[in-house]
C-alpha cells in the first residue's frame, strides 16, 4: 500500500543528542522531495526526561500535528506503554533492545521489533559518551532503509550539518551505515511512501520560525537587539547575532550592530527604548513571563511615543507553566500591555515567510507610528521545522516615518503637535544640529512642546490623539487572509493554528461541507474582519488558549456578532490537530449552541 499520509513518533530521553539525529532525518526527507514537518516535543529540564519528535509526511502538503501515529521508534523504556497508546491499531514499534524490554508486557495491538542500537554504535566507537550520541544515528540508518531513502542524500545532510568537524562527520556516517546494514539484513518490511517529486523542494527551504525571524530582522534594518534568555525565544537572539556577524560586519571587522544580553527583561526593553529614541531600529525577543516584566516600559513607549518592537514567542502558562510547550496565551496581554489606557499594535505571523517579512514590517510600523509593536509567534512556529518558499528580502526602502533633519526644524517645532491631523507627530533624533530640535522625552504628562504638565485637558487630548494615531492607520497593518464569503459557515484563526484549520476545511469538504476561512494577522482589526463575521451565519474562532482570547477580542470590538461567533479552544500545550476541531465544527454546523 502506498502511504500518502504517514506519521512517525521518535521517543527518546532529553539530553542524549537525539535532536540532531531527528533533524538530519527530517532534512533528508525534505531533500528527497517529500512534504515533511518535524515537531520536537521536549521537556523543560536539561536531561533525563522523556522527549518526543513527531514527523509527518503528507502528499497533499498538510503539516498539522497528528495525534495518532503510524510508527513508533522507542528509545525510552519508561514511556513505551504510554507512547504506544498514541499509535494506530496494528502499527509497528521498533525499539532499542539494549533497554531489555519484554514486548509481552505491553499491548498486543502492535508489532514489536527489537534492534540492538547501542551495540551497533559500539562498533563505531568505544567511548561511552560518544556511544550515547551515536546510538541515535544508528536509528537514522535504520529509518533510511525502512523508508527506502537514498543513503547518499542522508550522508550529504550529515556533512552539511557537521561541516566544520570532519571527524564528527565520519563517526556519524559510520553509525548510520551500521543501522542501515542491520535493517537490510534483518527486516523484510518497509514503508512504501508516495513517490516524491525530487524537484518539489528545489526552491524551498526547511527551517524554524525563530531563524526566519532573525533573518527578517537583519534584512529589515534592525541594528540593536537586547534580550534576556528565555525559552522558546532564545534561539531568535542567537540567530540574530550569528547572521549579523555575517551580514552587518564590515571587511575590517567593524560591527554595525549591537546584541546585548541584559540582566533581566525590564532592562532589555528599556535598552530597546533608548535605542529607538536615539534613532536605531531595535527589538527584544522574549516569551510570556518576560512580556509581563516589560509592562511598565511598554507604557513608556506608548505614551512617550518611542519606536520599539517586542517579539514574543509564546509558551504554555500561566506563570512558568510548561515552558517548552506551545500556546497562544499572550494575546490579550500583548494587546493591552501596561497600565492605564493602552492598546498596542499586535502582529501575528502564521508562516515561516511571514516570520521573515514581519521582521521588517514590525520595524517599519514602529517608526511610522512611533509606538511599540508586539509580534506574537509561539513555540510550534518558532522552534519546529517547516517547509517554506525561499525567503526574499524586500526591495522597498525602510519606512522611517516622520523624522526631521536639521534643515527641516524651525523655531516653531513642537514634539507632540499633530501638524498633519493624522495623530502622528514629527520627531527629531538626538544630535540633530539645530538648537530648536531638542526636547525632553517624558512618560509623564506633557504638552505639545514636551514640557511637563498635569493639565487634565491636555492629558485627555494626548490620549485621544494616540488612539486616533493607531485607529486611523489600521490599513498599514498586515491584512487578514480570506478565502472569500461564499458559504454560511466559516472558521477564523491566527498564527500557528493555520495548518490544522486548513486541513480541517479540506476534510469537511471531502464530506460535502464547505466553510470559508479567515486568518487574522494583526490587531487592531481591519474592517474586513467585521465584514467577514457579519457575512456568515456561524463563525468558529480557533484559539490555542483556555479562555478564547481572540474570540473575546472580536466580541469586544464587534459586539453585534455575539450570536454568530463561537469559540473553539485547545490548550494542552501540544500543537493543534484537526480531529477535535473537525468534530466541533460539525456540531456547530448541525445546530450546536454556545454551550
Protein backbone atom coordinates (compact mmCIF):
# COMPACT_ATOMS: atom_id res chain seq x y z
CA UNK A 1 0.00 0.00 0.00
CA UNK A 2 1.30 3.44 -0.93
CA UNK A 3 1.25 5.77 2.07
CA UNK A 4 0.18 9.34 1.22
CA UNK A 5 -0.04 10.36 4.88
CA UNK A 6 2.36 8.97 7.46
CA UNK A 7 3.28 9.99 10.99
CA UNK A 8 6.24 8.74 12.98
CA UNK A 9 6.95 9.30 16.67
CA UNK A 10 10.55 9.01 17.88
CA UNK A 11 10.56 8.61 21.66
CA UNK A 12 13.87 9.35 23.38
CA UNK A 13 15.35 10.92 26.52
CA UNK A 14 16.24 14.58 26.76
CA UNK A 15 19.97 15.29 26.64
CA UNK A 16 21.03 12.26 24.57
CA UNK A 17 21.66 14.14 21.33
CA UNK A 18 18.52 12.90 19.63
CA UNK A 19 17.54 16.32 18.28
CA UNK A 20 20.47 16.36 15.84
CA UNK A 21 19.63 12.88 14.60
CA UNK A 22 15.94 13.71 14.18
CA UNK A 23 16.71 16.95 12.38
CA UNK A 24 19.05 15.14 9.99
CA UNK A 25 16.35 12.60 9.16
CA UNK A 26 13.71 15.31 8.55
CA UNK A 27 16.08 17.27 6.32
CA UNK A 28 16.87 14.07 4.40
CA UNK A 29 13.16 13.57 3.73
CA UNK A 30 12.93 17.21 2.64
CA UNK A 31 15.85 16.87 0.22
CA UNK A 32 14.31 13.66 -1.11
CA UNK A 33 11.28 15.67 -2.26
CA UNK A 34 8.75 14.86 0.46
CA UNK A 35 6.32 17.24 2.13
CA UNK A 36 7.51 16.87 5.72
CA UNK A 37 7.22 18.64 9.05
CA UNK A 38 9.08 17.86 12.28
CA UNK A 39 7.90 18.81 15.76
CA UNK A 40 10.11 18.48 18.82
CA UNK A 41 8.01 17.83 21.93
CA UNK A 42 10.60 18.21 24.66
CA UNK A 43 10.65 18.70 28.46
CA UNK A 44 11.84 21.75 30.34
CA UNK A 45 14.77 20.12 32.11
CA UNK A 46 18.29 19.80 30.70
CA UNK A 47 18.49 16.00 30.63
CA UNK A 48 16.78 12.80 31.71
CA UNK A 49 13.08 13.28 30.96
CA UNK A 50 11.05 11.91 28.02
CA UNK A 51 11.14 13.76 24.71
CA UNK A 52 9.28 13.00 21.52
CA UNK A 53 9.88 14.02 17.94
CA UNK A 54 6.82 13.86 15.68
CA UNK A 55 7.47 13.61 11.94
CA UNK A 56 4.66 13.89 9.43
CA UNK A 57 4.96 13.09 5.73
CA UNK A 58 1.94 14.10 3.68
CA UNK A 59 1.48 14.11 -0.09
CA UNK A 60 -1.02 16.99 0.00
CA UNK A 61 1.34 19.18 1.98
CA UNK A 62 -0.63 19.12 5.25
CA UNK A 63 1.70 19.82 8.16
CA UNK A 64 -0.52 19.95 11.24
CA UNK A 65 0.28 17.82 14.27
CA UNK A 66 -1.17 14.30 14.21
CA UNK A 67 -2.49 12.91 17.48
CA UNK A 68 -2.15 9.32 16.29
CA UNK A 69 0.96 7.80 14.74
CA UNK A 70 1.64 5.01 12.26
CA UNK A 71 5.06 4.06 13.65
CA UNK A 72 6.88 4.35 16.97
CA UNK A 73 10.64 4.22 17.33
CA UNK A 74 11.24 3.86 21.06
CA UNK A 75 14.49 4.71 22.79
CA UNK A 76 12.82 5.18 26.19
CA UNK A 77 11.79 2.17 28.25
CA UNK A 78 9.79 4.19 30.78
CA UNK A 79 7.36 5.66 28.25
CA UNK A 80 6.85 2.81 25.78
CA UNK A 81 3.47 1.80 27.14
CA UNK A 82 2.18 5.38 27.15
CA UNK A 83 3.66 6.10 23.71
CA UNK A 84 2.00 3.00 22.27
CA UNK A 85 -1.45 4.41 23.18
CA UNK A 86 -0.90 7.10 20.55
CA UNK A 87 -0.44 4.52 17.78
CA UNK A 88 -2.99 3.38 15.25
CA UNK A 89 -4.02 -0.26 15.83
CA UNK A 90 -1.67 -2.78 14.22
CA UNK A 91 1.23 -0.34 13.99
CA UNK A 92 4.88 -1.30 14.29
CA UNK A 93 7.10 -0.45 17.24
CA UNK A 94 10.85 -0.52 16.70
CA UNK A 95 12.69 -0.32 20.00
CA UNK A 96 16.25 -0.38 21.29
CA UNK A 97 16.65 -3.95 22.53
CA UNK A 98 19.59 -2.88 24.71
CA UNK A 99 16.92 -1.43 27.03
CA UNK A 100 15.90 -5.04 27.82
CA UNK A 101 12.21 -4.58 27.15
CA UNK A 102 9.81 -7.50 27.17
CA UNK A 103 7.16 -6.94 24.45
CA UNK A 104 4.87 -9.44 26.21
CA UNK A 105 4.41 -6.87 28.96
CA UNK A 106 2.82 -4.44 26.53
CA UNK A 107 -0.22 -4.16 24.29
CA UNK A 108 -0.88 -6.96 21.81
CA UNK A 109 -2.38 -4.42 19.41
CA UNK A 110 1.03 -3.69 17.88
CA UNK A 111 4.03 -5.45 16.36
CA UNK A 112 7.35 -5.21 18.22
CA UNK A 113 10.84 -5.32 16.69
CA UNK A 114 13.96 -5.06 18.84
CA UNK A 115 17.21 -3.67 17.43
CA UNK A 116 20.50 -3.58 19.42
CA UNK A 117 21.12 0.06 18.54
CA UNK A 118 23.62 0.66 21.33
CA UNK A 119 25.64 -2.38 20.28
CA UNK A 120 25.68 -1.08 16.72
CA UNK A 121 27.06 2.24 17.95
CA UNK A 122 29.77 0.39 19.89
CA UNK A 123 31.04 -0.99 16.61
CA UNK A 124 31.93 2.58 15.64
CA UNK A 125 33.41 3.94 18.88
CA UNK A 126 34.19 2.75 22.41
CA UNK A 127 33.77 5.97 24.40
CA UNK A 128 30.55 5.63 26.49
CA UNK A 129 29.73 9.31 25.97
CA UNK A 130 30.09 9.08 22.20
CA UNK A 131 28.17 5.79 22.12
CA UNK A 132 25.23 7.59 23.73
CA UNK A 133 25.12 10.14 20.90
CA UNK A 134 25.88 7.77 18.02
CA UNK A 135 23.14 5.36 19.09
CA UNK A 136 20.71 7.93 17.73
CA UNK A 137 22.50 7.96 14.38
CA UNK A 138 22.11 4.18 14.11
CA UNK A 139 18.33 4.60 14.09
CA UNK A 140 18.72 7.22 11.35
CA UNK A 141 20.33 4.44 9.31
CA UNK A 142 17.50 2.07 10.21
CA UNK A 143 14.86 4.57 9.13
CA UNK A 144 16.78 5.37 5.95
CA UNK A 145 16.42 1.75 4.88
CA UNK A 146 12.83 1.32 6.11
CA UNK A 147 11.72 4.33 4.09
CA UNK A 148 13.94 3.44 1.12
CA UNK A 149 15.68 6.79 1.09
CA UNK A 150 18.80 7.39 -0.95
CA UNK A 151 21.58 6.87 1.57
CA UNK A 152 23.77 9.40 -0.22
CA UNK A 153 21.16 12.12 0.42
CA UNK A 154 21.34 11.36 4.15
CA UNK A 155 25.12 11.40 4.05
CA UNK A 156 25.11 14.84 2.41
CA UNK A 157 22.84 16.22 5.14
CA UNK A 158 25.25 14.89 7.77
CA UNK A 159 28.20 16.51 6.02
CA UNK A 160 26.38 19.84 5.84
CA UNK A 161 25.32 19.62 9.48
CA UNK A 162 28.82 18.97 10.82
CA UNK A 163 30.86 20.56 8.03
CA UNK A 164 33.26 22.25 10.45
CA UNK A 165 34.00 18.95 12.24
CA UNK A 166 35.30 16.31 9.78
CA UNK A 167 35.92 13.72 12.49
CA UNK A 168 32.34 14.05 13.73
CA UNK A 169 31.08 13.63 10.16
CA UNK A 170 32.96 10.37 9.76
CA UNK A 171 31.73 8.87 13.03
CA UNK A 172 28.12 9.76 12.25
CA UNK A 173 28.34 8.30 8.74
CA UNK A 174 29.68 5.04 10.18
CA UNK A 175 26.86 4.88 12.72
CA UNK A 176 24.24 5.46 10.04
CA UNK A 177 25.86 2.76 7.91
CA UNK A 178 25.63 0.27 10.79
CA UNK A 179 21.92 0.94 11.29
CA UNK A 180 21.25 0.79 7.57
CA UNK A 181 23.08 -2.51 7.18
CA UNK A 182 21.31 -4.07 10.17
CA UNK A 183 17.93 -3.14 8.75
CA UNK A 184 18.75 -4.62 5.36
CA UNK A 185 19.93 -7.88 6.91
CA UNK A 186 17.10 -8.33 9.41
CA UNK A 187 13.90 -6.69 8.12
CA UNK A 188 11.84 -7.51 5.07
CA UNK A 189 9.13 -4.98 5.92
CA UNK A 190 9.50 -1.42 4.72
CA UNK A 191 7.21 1.57 4.30
CA UNK A 192 6.13 2.45 0.78
CA UNK A 193 5.72 6.19 0.88
CA UNK A 194 4.26 8.01 -2.08
CA UNK A 195 6.72 8.70 -4.89
CA UNK A 196 8.30 12.08 -4.12
CA UNK A 197 8.82 14.85 -6.60
CA UNK A 198 12.57 15.36 -6.37
CA UNK A 199 12.14 18.89 -7.71
CA UNK A 200 9.38 19.76 -5.24
CA UNK A 201 11.67 21.42 -2.72
CA UNK A 202 14.23 22.82 -5.17
CA UNK A 203 13.04 26.35 -4.46
CA UNK A 204 12.02 25.71 -0.85
CA UNK A 205 13.76 25.81 2.49
CA UNK A 206 13.08 23.93 5.71
CA UNK A 207 13.61 25.97 8.84
CA UNK A 208 12.09 27.18 12.09
CA UNK A 209 10.32 30.48 12.67
CA UNK A 210 12.94 31.89 15.06
CA UNK A 211 15.65 31.52 12.41
CA UNK A 212 13.39 33.09 9.80
CA UNK A 213 12.51 35.98 12.12
CA UNK A 214 16.17 36.63 12.92
CA UNK A 215 16.98 36.87 9.22
CA UNK A 216 13.98 39.11 8.63
CA UNK A 217 15.12 41.48 11.35
CA UNK A 218 18.65 41.67 9.92
CA UNK A 219 17.36 42.40 6.42
CA UNK A 220 14.73 44.72 7.89
CA UNK A 221 17.34 47.06 9.34
CA UNK A 222 17.42 46.00 12.99
CA UNK A 223 20.79 47.20 14.33
CA UNK A 224 20.11 46.75 18.03
CA UNK A 225 18.80 43.71 19.90
CA UNK A 226 18.72 43.29 23.67
CA UNK A 227 17.49 40.15 25.33
CA UNK A 228 17.35 38.01 28.42
CA UNK A 229 17.43 34.23 27.77
CA UNK A 230 14.02 32.56 27.94
CA UNK A 231 12.63 29.52 26.18
CA UNK A 232 11.41 29.45 23.46
CA UNK A 233 12.73 32.78 22.17
CA UNK A 234 16.46 32.46 22.90
CA UNK A 235 17.35 30.99 19.52
CA UNK A 236 15.94 34.10 17.83
CA UNK A 237 18.54 36.28 19.57
CA UNK A 238 21.29 33.73 18.95
CA UNK A 239 20.47 33.55 15.26
CA UNK A 240 20.24 37.33 15.01
CA UNK A 241 23.78 37.63 16.34
CA UNK A 242 25.03 34.85 14.06
CA UNK A 243 23.58 36.39 10.90
CA UNK A 244 24.51 39.93 11.91
CA UNK A 245 28.13 38.85 12.30
CA UNK A 246 27.98 37.71 8.68
CA UNK A 247 25.82 40.44 7.15
CA UNK A 248 26.31 43.52 9.33
CA UNK A 249 30.06 43.40 9.82
CA UNK A 250 32.50 45.34 7.64
CA UNK A 251 35.51 43.77 5.96
CA UNK A 252 37.74 45.32 8.62
CA UNK A 253 35.72 43.59 11.35
CA UNK A 254 33.73 46.62 12.47
CA UNK A 255 30.27 45.58 13.65
CA UNK A 256 27.31 47.66 12.51
CA UNK A 257 25.00 46.19 15.11
CA UNK A 258 24.77 45.59 18.83
CA UNK A 259 23.43 42.47 20.52
CA UNK A 260 23.29 42.84 24.30
CA UNK A 261 22.27 40.30 26.93
CA UNK A 262 20.59 42.32 29.66
CA UNK A 263 20.28 41.44 33.35
CA UNK A 264 16.51 40.97 33.04
CA UNK A 265 13.60 41.59 30.70
CA UNK A 266 12.77 45.06 32.01
CA UNK A 267 16.35 46.12 31.29
CA UNK A 268 16.12 44.57 27.83
CA UNK A 269 13.03 46.54 26.77
CA UNK A 270 14.42 49.70 28.40
CA UNK A 271 17.55 49.37 26.24
CA UNK A 272 15.34 49.00 23.18
CA UNK A 273 13.53 52.21 24.11
CA UNK A 274 16.83 54.02 24.46
CA UNK A 275 17.96 52.74 21.07
CA UNK A 276 14.63 53.61 19.44
CA UNK A 277 14.71 57.11 20.93
CA UNK A 278 18.23 57.55 19.50
CA UNK A 279 17.10 56.51 16.02
CA UNK A 280 18.09 52.82 15.85
CA UNK A 281 15.67 50.14 14.74
CA UNK A 282 15.55 47.98 17.84
CA UNK A 283 13.88 44.85 19.21
CA UNK A 284 13.82 42.47 22.16
CA UNK A 285 12.70 38.82 21.87
CA UNK A 286 11.00 37.19 24.84
CA UNK A 287 8.19 34.90 25.96
CA UNK A 288 5.17 35.32 28.24
CA UNK A 289 6.88 35.79 31.64
CA UNK A 290 9.29 38.28 30.06
CA UNK A 291 6.42 40.15 28.43
CA UNK A 292 4.85 40.62 31.87
CA UNK A 293 8.06 42.15 33.21
CA UNK A 294 8.15 44.61 30.30
CA UNK A 295 4.75 46.12 31.10
CA UNK A 296 5.92 49.40 32.65
CA UNK A 297 8.32 50.18 29.81
CA UNK A 298 5.59 49.28 27.30
CA UNK A 299 3.56 52.15 28.73
CA UNK A 300 6.53 54.47 28.31
CA UNK A 301 6.83 53.53 24.63
CA UNK A 302 3.11 54.04 24.10
CA UNK A 303 2.75 57.41 25.87
CA UNK A 304 6.13 58.98 25.07
CA UNK A 305 5.77 57.60 21.50
CA UNK A 306 9.11 55.86 21.18
CA UNK A 307 9.57 53.20 18.45
CA UNK A 308 10.16 49.70 19.86
CA UNK A 309 9.46 46.06 18.96
CA UNK A 310 8.86 43.08 21.26
CA UNK A 311 8.93 39.65 19.57
CA UNK A 312 7.05 37.26 21.88
CA UNK A 313 7.49 33.54 21.15
CA UNK A 314 4.63 32.26 23.28
CA UNK A 315 4.75 29.20 25.51
CA UNK A 316 2.26 27.47 27.80
CA UNK A 317 1.44 29.25 31.05
CA UNK A 318 0.35 30.77 33.35
CA UNK A 319 3.42 31.69 35.40
CA UNK A 320 6.31 29.47 34.32
CA UNK A 321 3.72 26.86 33.28
CA UNK A 322 5.01 24.43 30.67
CA UNK A 323 7.92 26.44 29.25
CA UNK A 324 8.65 24.00 26.44
CA UNK A 325 5.09 23.59 25.23
CA UNK A 326 3.14 25.81 22.84
CA UNK A 327 0.18 28.13 23.43
CA UNK A 328 -1.35 31.39 22.24
CA UNK A 329 -1.90 32.68 25.74
CA UNK A 330 -0.35 36.14 25.49
CA UNK A 331 -2.76 37.74 23.01
CA UNK A 332 -4.80 39.75 25.49
CA UNK A 333 -1.71 40.70 27.49
CA UNK A 334 0.02 41.94 24.35
CA UNK A 335 -2.96 43.96 23.16
CA UNK A 336 -3.28 45.89 26.43
CA UNK A 337 0.17 45.54 27.99
CA UNK A 338 0.99 48.13 30.71
CA UNK A 339 -1.17 50.25 32.97
CA UNK A 340 -3.93 52.73 32.21
CA UNK A 341 -5.28 53.04 28.68
CA UNK A 342 -3.04 51.29 26.18
CA UNK A 343 -3.97 49.38 23.06
CA UNK A 344 -0.92 48.18 21.18
CA UNK A 345 -0.42 47.10 17.60
CA UNK A 346 -0.01 43.31 17.58
CA UNK A 347 1.25 41.40 14.54
CA UNK A 348 0.62 37.66 14.25
CA UNK A 349 2.60 35.81 11.57
CA UNK A 350 1.41 32.31 10.70
CA UNK A 351 4.09 31.01 8.34
CA UNK A 352 7.88 30.93 8.01
CA UNK A 353 7.63 33.51 5.21
CA UNK A 354 5.63 35.86 7.41
CA UNK A 355 8.09 35.48 10.30
CA UNK A 356 10.70 36.79 7.87
CA UNK A 357 8.52 39.52 6.36
CA UNK A 358 7.15 40.75 9.68
CA UNK A 359 10.70 41.48 10.85
CA UNK A 360 10.85 44.46 8.52
CA UNK A 361 7.13 45.22 8.80
CA UNK A 362 7.30 45.49 12.60
CA UNK A 363 10.30 47.83 12.45
CA UNK A 364 8.66 49.99 9.77
CA UNK A 365 5.44 50.28 11.74
CA UNK A 366 7.22 51.07 15.00
CA UNK A 367 8.87 54.08 13.35
CA UNK A 368 5.94 55.13 11.20
CA UNK A 369 3.52 55.06 14.14
CA UNK A 370 6.14 55.96 16.78
CA UNK A 371 4.95 53.26 19.13
CA UNK A 372 5.54 49.77 20.49
CA UNK A 373 4.81 46.90 18.10
CA UNK A 374 4.39 43.42 19.59
CA UNK A 375 4.85 40.38 17.34
CA UNK A 376 3.32 37.11 18.53
CA UNK A 377 4.55 33.72 17.37
CA UNK A 378 4.70 30.58 19.52
CA UNK A 379 6.94 27.61 20.22
CA UNK A 380 5.40 25.46 17.49
CA UNK A 381 6.04 28.03 14.77
CA UNK A 382 9.20 29.37 16.36
CA UNK A 383 11.18 26.21 17.13
CA UNK A 384 9.85 23.47 14.84
CA UNK A 385 10.81 22.63 11.26
CA UNK A 386 8.52 23.84 8.46
CA UNK A 387 8.83 23.87 4.68
CA UNK A 388 8.65 27.32 3.15
CA UNK A 389 9.36 29.02 -0.18
CA UNK A 390 12.76 30.65 -0.19
CA UNK A 391 12.85 33.89 1.76
CA UNK A 392 13.17 37.04 -0.32
CA UNK A 393 14.21 40.39 1.07
CA UNK A 394 12.01 43.35 0.30
CA UNK A 395 13.37 45.76 -2.29
CA UNK A 396 11.49 48.68 -0.77
CA UNK A 397 13.14 51.38 1.30
CA UNK A 398 12.75 51.14 5.05
CA UNK A 399 9.94 53.36 6.32
CA UNK A 400 11.46 55.67 8.94
CA UNK A 401 8.37 57.80 9.49
CA UNK A 402 8.26 61.49 10.38
CA UNK A 403 11.86 62.25 11.33
CA UNK A 404 13.07 65.82 10.78
CA UNK A 405 16.68 66.61 9.93
CA UNK A 406 18.42 69.84 10.91
CA UNK A 407 17.31 71.70 7.79
CA UNK A 408 13.65 70.84 8.40
CA UNK A 409 13.44 72.00 12.00
CA UNK A 410 12.25 75.55 12.66
CA UNK A 411 11.74 77.61 15.78
CA UNK A 412 8.10 76.51 15.98
CA UNK A 413 8.94 72.80 16.31
CA UNK A 414 6.83 71.07 18.95
CA UNK A 415 7.40 67.34 19.52
CA UNK A 416 3.77 66.43 20.19
CA UNK A 417 1.99 68.73 17.74
CA UNK A 418 -0.33 66.93 15.30
CA UNK A 419 0.57 69.05 12.28
CA UNK A 420 -0.95 66.71 9.65
CA UNK A 421 -4.06 65.89 11.69
CA UNK A 422 -3.36 62.15 11.43
CA UNK A 423 -2.35 61.68 15.05
CA UNK A 424 1.33 61.16 14.17
CA UNK A 425 3.69 63.91 15.28
CA UNK A 426 7.11 64.82 13.90
CA UNK A 427 10.20 63.88 15.87
CA UNK A 428 13.89 64.68 15.89
CA UNK A 429 16.80 62.47 16.88
CA UNK A 430 19.48 63.23 19.46
CA UNK A 431 22.37 65.12 17.90
CA UNK A 432 20.27 66.93 15.29
CA UNK A 433 22.33 70.05 14.61
CA UNK A 434 19.67 72.66 15.23
CA UNK A 435 19.07 74.46 18.55
CA UNK A 436 15.30 74.07 18.15
CA UNK A 437 15.47 70.29 17.69
CA UNK A 438 15.93 69.28 21.31
CA UNK A 439 13.19 68.25 23.70
CA UNK A 440 12.88 66.29 26.93
CA UNK A 441 11.17 62.89 26.47
CA UNK A 442 8.67 62.25 29.22
CA UNK A 443 6.49 59.33 30.20
CA UNK A 444 4.55 61.66 32.48
CA UNK A 445 2.08 64.31 31.37
CA UNK A 446 3.46 66.59 28.68
CA UNK A 447 2.19 69.39 26.49
CA UNK A 448 2.84 69.95 22.78
CA UNK A 449 6.46 71.02 23.22
CA UNK A 450 7.14 68.10 25.64
CA UNK A 451 7.21 70.25 28.76
CA UNK A 452 5.86 68.77 31.98
CA UNK A 453 2.18 69.32 32.75
CA UNK A 454 -0.61 67.71 34.75
CA UNK A 455 -3.33 69.68 32.98
CA UNK A 456 -6.33 67.30 32.70
CA UNK A 457 -7.47 68.66 29.36
CA UNK A 458 -4.03 68.22 27.78
CA UNK A 459 -3.81 64.68 29.16
CA UNK A 460 -7.16 63.78 27.60
CA UNK A 461 -6.18 65.29 24.25
CA UNK A 462 -2.91 63.35 24.23
CA UNK A 463 -4.62 60.02 24.89
CA UNK A 464 -7.29 60.72 22.28
CA UNK A 465 -4.65 61.65 19.70
CA UNK A 466 -2.62 58.50 20.38
CA UNK A 467 -5.73 56.36 19.93
CA UNK A 468 -6.56 58.25 16.74
CA UNK A 469 -2.99 57.66 15.53
CA UNK A 470 -3.49 53.90 15.70
CA UNK A 471 -7.12 53.74 14.60
CA UNK A 472 -6.61 55.91 11.52
CA UNK A 473 -3.65 53.86 10.32
CA UNK A 474 -5.02 50.33 10.61
CA UNK A 475 -4.77 49.94 6.84
CA UNK A 476 -0.98 49.97 7.24
CA UNK A 477 -1.15 46.72 9.24
CA UNK A 478 -0.94 43.32 7.53
CA UNK A 479 -4.34 42.46 6.10
CA UNK A 480 -6.06 39.19 7.03
CA UNK A 481 -6.06 36.28 4.63
CA UNK A 482 -9.57 35.36 3.50
CA UNK A 483 -10.83 32.56 1.28
CA UNK A 484 -14.00 34.52 0.50
CA UNK A 485 -17.57 34.83 1.78
CA UNK A 486 -19.37 32.24 -0.31
CA UNK A 487 -20.75 29.96 2.43
CA UNK A 488 -22.93 30.19 5.52
CA UNK A 489 -20.21 28.90 7.86
CA UNK A 490 -16.64 29.98 8.48
CA UNK A 491 -13.54 29.47 10.62
CA UNK A 492 -11.30 32.26 11.90
CA UNK A 493 -7.84 31.53 13.23
CA UNK A 494 -4.43 33.14 13.72
CA UNK A 495 -0.79 32.14 13.93
CA UNK A 496 0.33 28.51 14.09
CA UNK A 497 -3.20 27.02 14.04
CA UNK A 498 -3.35 27.74 10.30
CA UNK A 499 -2.17 24.24 9.19
CA UNK A 500 -4.74 22.39 11.33
CA UNK A 501 -7.54 24.70 10.22
CA UNK A 502 -6.81 24.36 6.50
CA UNK A 503 -6.64 20.57 6.88
CA UNK A 504 -9.95 20.59 8.76
CA UNK A 505 -11.55 22.56 5.95
CA UNK A 506 -10.27 20.03 3.39
CA UNK A 507 -11.61 17.13 5.46
CA UNK A 508 -15.01 18.81 5.80
CA UNK A 509 -15.12 19.44 2.06
CA UNK A 510 -14.49 15.74 1.44
CA UNK A 511 -17.66 15.11 3.48
CA UNK A 512 -19.66 17.63 1.48
CA UNK A 513 -19.39 20.54 3.93
CA UNK A 514 -17.81 23.75 2.66
CA UNK A 515 -16.75 26.53 5.01
CA UNK A 516 -14.97 29.83 4.46
CA UNK A 517 -11.75 30.75 6.18
CA UNK A 518 -10.01 33.84 7.53
CA UNK A 519 -6.61 34.10 9.23
CA UNK A 520 -6.13 37.30 11.21
CA UNK A 521 -2.64 38.79 11.04
CA UNK A 522 -2.95 41.97 13.09
CA UNK A 523 -4.73 43.74 15.93
CA UNK A 524 -6.48 46.22 15.96
CA UNK A 525 -8.66 44.57 13.36
CA UNK A 526 -9.17 45.62 9.75
CA UNK A 527 -12.73 46.49 8.71
CA UNK A 528 -12.61 43.35 6.58
CA UNK A 529 -12.72 41.24 9.75
CA UNK A 530 -16.07 42.71 10.79
CA UNK A 531 -17.43 42.26 7.27
CA UNK A 532 -16.36 38.61 7.30
CA UNK A 533 -18.06 37.90 10.63
CA UNK A 534 -21.28 39.64 9.59
CA UNK A 535 -21.40 37.79 6.27
CA UNK A 536 -21.73 34.33 7.88
CA UNK A 537 -24.45 32.65 9.89
CA UNK A 538 -21.90 30.98 12.18
CA UNK A 539 -18.17 31.51 12.59
CA UNK A 540 -15.89 29.36 14.75
CA UNK A 541 -12.91 31.24 16.23
CA UNK A 542 -9.93 28.97 16.96
CA UNK A 543 -7.74 29.81 19.97
CA UNK A 544 -4.73 28.00 21.39
CA UNK A 545 -5.64 29.08 24.94
CA UNK A 546 -8.25 28.25 27.58
CA UNK A 547 -10.21 31.48 27.60
CA UNK A 548 -10.72 32.07 23.87
CA UNK A 549 -8.74 35.31 23.82
CA UNK A 550 -9.19 36.08 20.11
CA UNK A 551 -12.87 35.25 20.43
CA UNK A 552 -13.14 37.74 23.32
CA UNK A 553 -11.29 40.49 21.44
CA UNK A 554 -13.57 40.05 18.43
CA UNK A 555 -16.71 40.27 20.57
CA UNK A 556 -15.36 43.34 22.35
CA UNK A 557 -14.70 45.09 19.03
CA UNK A 558 -17.79 43.78 17.24
CA UNK A 559 -20.44 43.09 19.92
CA UNK A 560 -23.18 42.87 17.29
CA UNK A 561 -21.74 39.47 16.27
CA UNK A 562 -22.23 37.83 19.69
CA UNK A 563 -24.80 35.31 18.43
CA UNK A 564 -22.81 34.46 15.28
CA UNK A 565 -19.37 33.75 16.72
CA UNK A 566 -18.44 30.51 18.51
CA UNK A 567 -15.27 29.74 20.45
CA UNK A 568 -13.10 26.64 19.97
CA UNK A 569 -10.17 26.31 22.37
CA UNK A 570 -7.20 23.95 22.60
CA UNK A 571 -4.74 24.46 25.44
CA UNK A 572 -2.95 21.24 26.46
CA UNK A 573 0.45 22.53 25.31
CA UNK A 574 0.58 20.39 22.16
CA UNK A 575 0.10 21.80 18.66
CA UNK A 576 -3.46 21.73 17.34
CA UNK A 577 -4.54 18.67 15.35
CA UNK A 578 -7.57 18.64 13.08
CA UNK A 579 -9.69 15.86 14.63
CA UNK A 580 -11.23 17.65 17.64
CA UNK A 581 -11.68 20.83 15.62
CA UNK A 582 -13.45 18.95 12.84
CA UNK A 583 -15.84 17.33 15.33
CA UNK A 584 -16.61 20.73 16.91
CA UNK A 585 -17.25 22.42 13.55
CA UNK A 586 -19.60 19.62 12.51
CA UNK A 587 -21.50 20.03 15.80
CA UNK A 588 -21.90 23.80 15.31
CA UNK A 589 -22.99 23.42 11.70
CA UNK A 590 -25.54 20.83 12.79
CA UNK A 591 -27.12 23.33 15.17
CA UNK A 592 -24.89 23.25 18.24
CA UNK A 593 -25.08 26.12 20.73
CA UNK A 594 -22.52 28.24 22.55
CA UNK A 595 -22.50 25.73 25.41
